Amino acid sequence: MHSPNLSFVLVTCALLSAVGISNAAAELLDVGPQYELKAPSDAARVAKAGDLVIIHEADYFEDTALWRQDDLEIIGEGIVRIIGGEDFVPNGKALWITQGRGITIRNIEFQNARVADFNGAGIRVEKGSLLIERCTFSGNEMGVQTSNRQDIELTVRNSVFADNALAFGSMGFPSHSIY
C-alpha cells in the first residue's frame, strides 16, 4: 500500500473530522497497476463515504467510473490520465459521473470523451456537489457537464480546458467547457 507522509495524513484526518466524518470510518484506497485496485472504476465500486482515493500515475484507458459516495476525496498522484477510447463512452455520458455530496477531484486529466449524441464529457455531475481542482480537460466533446437540477453545486479551481470540440463529420465545432 502507498504510505503518504505523516503531515498529509494528519491534515487529511483533520479535514475529515472538521466535516463530521469519523477518522475510523475513512479509508485510504490506492489505485494503480501495482495495487489491488487497478483502475479508478474499481475504487468507485468499493469506496465508502469519507474515503480518500489516491490514484497513482498511469494512463487509464476506457475506464469509466460512477462515484456515488458522499464526502469523497479523489487525488491524482503524478500524471494521471483518464482517456476515452476510439469508440463511444459506454455509459453514453462521461468518463466519470458523480452523484455524491462533497466530492473533491484533484490533479487528474480527462481526455477523449466521445458519445453518440456528441456531448461526451470528462465529468458529468448528475447530483450533489463537486469541487474540481487542478484538473485538465482536453480533447473531449464537453469538459464538465451538469444535469438539469437546481440543487447541484459545482466549483472549479485552477483547472485547464483545452481543445475540447464537437466532431460533426470532418469539421470540429467549439464545445462547452462547462455546461
Foldseek 3Di string as FASTA:
>chain_A
DDDDDPVVVVVLCVVCVVVPHHPVPEEEAEEDCVDPHPDPQSCQVPHEAQYEYEYEDDEAELAAHEREHAQYEYEYDDAYEDEYDPDANVVQEESYEYRYANYEYERYEYAQHQHPVQHYENYEYEYYEYEYEAYEYAHALEYYEYDPDPHYYYHYYHYYYPHHFGCDDPDTHDHYNYD
